[in-house]
Amino acid sequence: MATGIIRVKTKVSSGKTKVKMMAKHAMESGFRKDSKTGEFIPALYLQELQVVHTSKEVFAVNLGPTVSRNPYFVFTFAGGAKGDELSFTWVESSGKTATEVVKIK
């Protein structure tokens, strides 16, 4: 799985940061069949997603094969300022992991 799957929009207001995030991922459950071959498509989905701001975890979620394609999350955390960095770390069911860093705008 390639990196660069996280799409983020942020807004800082009244000492809080609102984050809207989408993970561009197929989220294959392993229960769907290929229409041409009739074979099951192997399971490949995001298992974990963690967001860190200034060494503090501000969001974490465990996912499974029943989550739809391109999962979308919205959350708010106390603090944050324009220019601060958010670190997004995800783990795929294949064991692959990656970290992406986004600046708060």
N, C-alpha and C. Protein backbone atom coordinates (compact mmCIF):
# COMPACT_ATOMS: atom_id res chain seq x y z
N MET A 1 0.85 -1.18 0.00
CA MET A 1 0.00 0.00 0.00
C MET A 1 0.88 1.23 0.00
N ALA A 2 0.58 2.15 -0.82
CA ALA A 2 1.36 3.38 -0.92
C ALA A 2 1.02 4.35 0.20
N THR A 3 1.97 5.19 0.53
CA THR A 3 1.68 6.25 1.49
C THR A 3 0.91 7.35 0.77
N GLY A 4 0.53 8.37 1.50
CA GLY A 4 -0.21 9.46 0.90
C GLY A 4 -1.69 9.18 0.79
N ILE A 5 -2.23 8.38 1.71
CA ILE A 5 -3.65 8.02 1.63
C ILE A 5 -4.53 8.97 2.45
N ILE A 6 -3.93 9.78 3.31
CA ILE A 6 -4.69 10.63 4.22
C ILE A 6 -4.97 12.00 3.58
N ARG A 7 -6.23 12.42 3.60
CA ARG A 7 -6.65 13.76 3.14
C ARG A 7 -7.23 14.47 4.34
N VAL A 8 -6.74 15.68 4.64
CA VAL A 8 -7.10 16.36 5.88
C VAL A 8 -7.48 17.81 5.64
N LYS A 9 -8.50 18.27 6.37
CA LYS A 9 -8.85 19.69 6.47
C LYS A 9 -8.91 20.01 7.95
N THR A 10 -8.35 21.16 8.33
CA THR A 10 -8.34 21.55 9.74
C THR A 10 -8.86 22.97 9.89
N LYS A 11 -9.38 23.25 11.09
CA LYS A 11 -9.84 24.61 11.40
C LYS A 11 -9.61 24.85 12.88
N VAL A 12 -8.87 25.93 13.20
CA VAL A 12 -8.60 26.30 14.59
C VAL A 12 -9.56 27.42 14.98
N SER A 13 -10.24 27.24 16.12
CA SER A 13 -11.17 28.25 16.60
C SER A 13 -11.37 28.10 18.10
N SER A 14 -11.29 29.19 18.81
CA SER A 14 -11.55 29.23 20.26
C SER A 14 -10.74 28.19 21.03
N GLY A 15 -9.47 28.04 20.69
CA GLY A 15 -8.60 27.13 21.42
C GLY A 15 -8.79 25.66 21.12
N LYS A 16 -9.56 25.36 20.08
CA LYS A 16 -9.79 23.97 19.68
C LYS A 16 -9.48 23.82 18.19
N THR A 17 -9.09 22.60 17.82
CA THR A 17 -8.83 22.30 16.42
C THR A 17 -9.80 21.22 15.95
N LYS A 18 -10.52 21.54 14.87
CA LYS A 18 -11.44 20.57 14.28
C LYS A 18 -10.73 19.95 13.08
N VAL A 19 -10.75 18.61 13.02
CA VAL A 19 -10.07 17.88 11.96
C VAL A 19 -11.10 17.05 11.19
N LYS A 20 -11.09 17.20 9.88
CA LYS A 20 -11.90 16.37 8.99
C LYS A 20 -10.90 15.56 8.18
N MET A 21 -11.03 14.24 8.24
CA MET A 21 -10.03 13.38 7.63
C MET A 21 -10.67 12.24 6.85
N MET A 22 -10.12 11.98 5.67
CA MET A 22 -10.55 10.82 4.89
C MET A 22 -9.30 10.00 4.57
N ALA A 23 -9.43 8.69 4.72
CA ALA A 23 -8.35 7.77 4.35
C ALA A 23 -8.74 7.12 3.03
N LYS A 24 -8.02 7.42 1.97
CA LYS A 24 -8.32 6.84 0.66
C LYS A 24 -7.79 5.41 0.63
N HIS A 25 -8.71 4.47 0.87
CA HIS A 25 -8.33 3.06 0.97
C HIS A 25 -9.51 2.20 0.54
N ALA A 26 -9.24 1.12 -0.18
CA ALA A 26 -10.31 0.24 -0.70
C ALA A 26 -11.04 -0.52 0.40
N MET A 27 -10.36 -0.80 1.52
CA MET A 27 -10.99 -1.50 2.65
C MET A 27 -11.66 -2.81 2.20
N GLU A 28 -10.90 -3.67 1.57
CA GLU A 28 -11.42 -4.96 1.11
C GLU A 28 -11.65 -5.90 2.29
N SER A 29 -12.84 -6.47 2.38
CA SER A 29 -13.23 -7.31 3.51
C SER A 29 -12.74 -8.75 3.40
N GLY A 30 -12.46 -9.20 2.19
CA GLY A 30 -12.12 -10.60 1.98
C GLY A 30 -13.34 -11.45 1.66
N PHE A 31 -14.53 -10.84 1.65
CA PHE A 31 -15.77 -11.57 1.38
C PHE A 31 -16.34 -11.26 -0.01
N ARG A 32 -15.70 -10.35 -0.72
CA ARG A 32 -16.19 -9.96 -2.05
C ARG A 32 -15.47 -10.77 -3.12
N LYS A 33 -16.21 -11.15 -4.17
CA LYS A 33 -15.62 -11.92 -5.26
C LYS A 33 -15.30 -11.02 -6.45
N ASP A 34 -14.22 -11.35 -7.14
CA ASP A 34 -13.85 -10.68 -8.38
C ASP A 34 -14.87 -11.08 -9.44
N SER A 35 -15.45 -10.12 -10.14
CA SER A 35 -16.52 -10.41 -11.11
C SER A 35 -16.01 -11.18 -12.32
N LYS A 36 -14.72 -11.08 -12.63
CA LYS A 36 -14.18 -11.77 -13.80
C LYS A 36 -13.74 -13.20 -13.48
N THR A 37 -13.06 -13.39 -12.35
CA THR A 37 -12.50 -14.70 -12.04
C THR A 37 -13.37 -15.52 -11.09
N GLY A 38 -14.22 -14.85 -10.33
CA GLY A 38 -15.04 -15.54 -9.35
C GLY A 38 -14.29 -15.85 -8.06
N GLU A 39 -13.02 -15.48 -8.01
CA GLU A 39 -12.20 -15.70 -6.82
C GLU A 39 -12.47 -14.60 -5.79
N PHE A 40 -12.30 -14.96 -4.52
CA PHE A 40 -12.44 -13.95 -3.47
C PHE A 40 -11.27 -12.97 -3.55
N ILE A 41 -11.58 -11.70 -3.36
CA ILE A 41 -10.54 -10.67 -3.29
C ILE A 41 -9.97 -10.72 -1.88
N PRO A 42 -8.66 -10.84 -1.74
CA PRO A 42 -8.06 -10.95 -0.40
C PRO A 42 -8.38 -9.75 0.49
N ALA A 43 -8.55 -10.01 1.76
CA ALA A 43 -8.82 -8.94 2.73
C ALA A 43 -7.62 -8.00 2.80
N LEU A 44 -7.89 -6.71 2.78
CA LEU A 44 -6.86 -5.68 2.93
C LEU A 44 -7.55 -4.42 3.40
N TYR A 45 -7.39 -4.11 4.68
CA TYR A 45 -8.09 -2.97 5.25
C TYR A 45 -7.22 -2.30 6.31
N LEU A 46 -7.59 -1.08 6.67
CA LEU A 46 -6.89 -0.38 7.74
C LEU A 46 -7.35 -0.96 9.07
N GLN A 47 -6.40 -1.31 9.92
CA GLN A 47 -6.73 -1.85 11.24
C GLN A 47 -6.67 -0.78 12.32
N GLU A 48 -5.71 0.09 12.22
CA GLU A 48 -5.51 1.11 13.24
C GLU A 48 -5.19 2.45 12.60
N LEU A 49 -5.63 3.51 13.26
CA LEU A 49 -5.30 4.86 12.84
C LEU A 49 -5.10 5.68 14.10
N GLN A 50 -3.99 6.39 14.16
CA GLN A 50 -3.66 7.20 15.34
C GLN A 50 -3.23 8.59 14.87
N VAL A 51 -3.69 9.61 15.59
CA VAL A 51 -3.30 10.99 15.29
C VAL A 51 -2.63 11.58 16.52
N VAL A 52 -1.44 12.17 16.31
CA VAL A 52 -0.66 12.74 17.40
C VAL A 52 -0.38 14.21 17.12
N HIS A 53 -0.55 15.04 18.16
CA HIS A 53 -0.22 16.47 18.09
C HIS A 53 0.70 16.78 19.27
N THR A 54 1.85 17.32 19.00
CA THR A 54 2.85 17.66 20.02
C THR A 54 3.06 16.52 21.02
N SER A 55 3.34 15.34 20.51
CA SER A 55 3.63 14.13 21.30
C SER A 55 2.44 13.61 22.11
N LYS A 56 1.25 14.14 21.87
CA LYS A 56 0.04 13.67 22.57
C LYS A 56 -0.92 13.06 21.57
N GLU A 57 -1.43 11.87 21.90
CA GLU A 57 -2.44 11.25 21.05
C GLU A 57 -3.74 12.03 21.20
N VAL A 58 -4.30 12.49 20.07
CA VAL A 58 -5.55 13.24 20.10
C VAL A 58 -6.70 12.47 19.48
N PHE A 59 -6.38 11.37 18.79
CA PHE A 59 -7.43 10.54 18.17
C PHE A 59 -6.83 9.17 17.87
N ALA A 60 -7.61 8.14 18.13
CA ALA A 60 -7.19 6.77 17.79
C ALA A 60 -8.43 5.94 17.52
N VAL A 61 -8.32 5.04 16.55
CA VAL A 61 -9.46 4.19 16.21
C VAL A 61 -8.93 2.84 15.73
N ASN A 62 -9.65 1.78 16.11
CA ASN A 62 -9.38 0.43 15.61
C ASN A 62 -10.47 0.12 14.60
N LEU A 63 -10.07 -0.31 13.42
CA LEU A 63 -11.01 -0.57 12.34
C LEU A 63 -11.02 -2.04 12.00
N GLY A 64 -12.01 -2.46 11.24
CA GLY A 64 -12.10 -3.85 10.82
C GLY A 64 -12.56 -3.96 9.38
N PRO A 65 -12.79 -5.17 8.91
CA PRO A 65 -13.14 -5.38 7.51
C PRO A 65 -14.54 -4.89 7.14
N THR A 66 -15.36 -4.55 8.10
CA THR A 66 -16.72 -4.10 7.78
C THR A 66 -16.83 -2.60 7.55
N VAL A 67 -15.73 -1.87 7.71
CA VAL A 67 -15.74 -0.43 7.49
C VAL A 67 -15.70 -0.16 5.98
N SER A 68 -16.51 0.79 5.53
CA SER A 68 -16.62 1.05 4.10
C SER A 68 -15.35 1.67 3.51
N ARG A 69 -15.28 1.64 2.20
CA ARG A 69 -14.17 2.23 1.45
C ARG A 69 -14.03 3.72 1.79
N ASN A 70 -12.80 4.20 1.79
CA ASN A 70 -12.48 5.61 2.06
C ASN A 70 -13.14 6.13 3.35
N PRO A 71 -12.81 5.53 4.49
CA PRO A 71 -13.45 5.96 5.74
C PRO A 71 -13.18 7.44 6.04
N TYR A 72 -14.19 8.09 6.60
CA TYR A 72 -14.17 9.53 6.89
C TYR A 72 -14.39 9.74 8.37
N PHE A 73 -13.56 10.59 8.98
CA PHE A 73 -13.64 10.86 10.41
C PHE A 73 -13.61 12.36 10.66
N VAL A 74 -14.35 12.80 11.68
CA VAL A 74 -14.31 14.18 12.13
C VAL A 74 -14.12 14.15 13.63
N PHE A 75 -13.15 14.93 14.12
CA PHE A 75 -12.92 15.01 15.55
C PHE A 75 -12.36 16.38 15.90
N THR A 76 -12.49 16.73 17.18
CA THR A 76 -12.00 18.01 17.70
C THR A 76 -11.12 17.72 18.89
N PHE A 77 -10.05 18.48 19.02
CA PHE A 77 -9.20 18.36 20.20
C PHE A 77 -8.81 19.74 20.71
N ALA A 78 -8.53 19.81 22.00
CA ALA A 78 -8.14 21.08 22.63
C ALA A 78 -6.72 21.43 22.23
N GLY A 79 -6.52 22.69 21.88
CA GLY A 79 -5.18 23.15 21.50
C GLY A 79 -5.01 23.17 20.00
N GLY A 80 -3.77 23.33 19.61
CA GLY A 80 -3.45 23.39 18.19
C GLY A 80 -3.41 24.83 17.71
N ALA A 81 -2.51 25.08 16.78
CA ALA A 81 -2.37 26.41 16.19
C ALA A 81 -1.94 26.25 14.75
N LYS A 82 -2.18 27.27 13.96
CA LYS A 82 -1.77 27.21 12.56
C LYS A 82 -0.27 26.97 12.50
N GLY A 83 0.12 26.04 11.64
CA GLY A 83 1.53 25.69 11.48
C GLY A 83 1.97 24.49 12.30
N ASP A 84 1.20 24.14 13.34
CA ASP A 84 1.53 22.93 14.12
C ASP A 84 1.38 21.71 13.21
N GLU A 85 2.07 20.63 13.60
CA GLU A 85 2.00 19.40 12.82
C GLU A 85 1.12 18.35 13.49
N LEU A 86 0.37 17.63 12.66
CA LEU A 86 -0.39 16.46 13.09
C LEU A 86 0.26 15.26 12.41
N SER A 87 0.50 14.23 13.18
CA SER A 87 1.12 13.01 12.67
C SER A 87 0.06 11.91 12.62
N PHE A 88 -0.18 11.38 11.43
CA PHE A 88 -1.18 10.33 11.20
C PHE A 88 -0.45 9.02 10.95
N THR A 89 -0.64 8.04 11.82
CA THR A 89 -0.02 6.73 11.65
C THR A 89 -1.11 5.70 11.46
N TRP A 90 -0.96 4.90 10.41
CA TRP A 90 -1.95 3.86 10.15
C TRP A 90 -1.27 2.51 9.98
N VAL A 91 -2.04 1.47 10.34
CA VAL A 91 -1.57 0.09 10.20
C VAL A 91 -2.60 -0.66 9.37
N GLU A 92 -2.11 -1.36 8.35
CA GLU A 92 -2.97 -2.11 7.46
C GLU A 92 -3.03 -3.58 7.91
N SER A 93 -4.06 -4.30 7.52
CA SER A 93 -4.20 -5.71 7.89
C SER A 93 -3.05 -6.57 7.37
N SER A 94 -2.36 -6.09 6.36
CA SER A 94 -1.20 -6.81 5.82
C SER A 94 0.04 -6.67 6.71
N GLY A 95 -0.05 -5.76 7.70
CA GLY A 95 1.08 -5.49 8.58
C GLY A 95 1.86 -4.25 8.18
N LYS A 96 1.58 -3.73 7.00
CA LYS A 96 2.27 -2.52 6.56
C LYS A 96 1.80 -1.34 7.40
N THR A 97 2.71 -0.40 7.60
CA THR A 97 2.40 0.78 8.39
C THR A 97 3.06 2.00 7.74
N ALA A 98 2.51 3.16 7.98
CA ALA A 98 3.08 4.39 7.48
C ALA A 98 2.65 5.55 8.37
N THR A 99 3.43 6.61 8.31
CA THR A 99 3.11 7.83 9.05
C THR A 99 3.13 8.99 8.07
N GLU A 100 2.11 9.81 8.13
CA GLU A 100 2.02 11.00 7.30
C GLU A 100 1.88 12.21 8.21
N VAL A 101 2.55 13.30 7.85
CA VAL A 101 2.53 14.51 8.66
C VAL A 101 1.83 15.62 7.86
N VAL A 102 0.90 16.30 8.56
CA VAL A 102 0.14 17.39 7.94
C VAL A 102 0.22 18.60 8.85
N LYS A 103 0.40 19.78 8.27
CA LYS A 103 0.41 21.01 9.06
C LYS A 103 -1.02 21.55 9.20
N ILE A 104 -1.32 22.06 10.39
CA ILE A 104 -2.62 22.67 10.64
C ILE A 104 -2.67 24.00 9.88
N LYS A 105 -3.74 24.21 9.13
CA LYS A 105 -3.89 25.45 8.36
C LYS A 105 -4.90 26.36 8.99
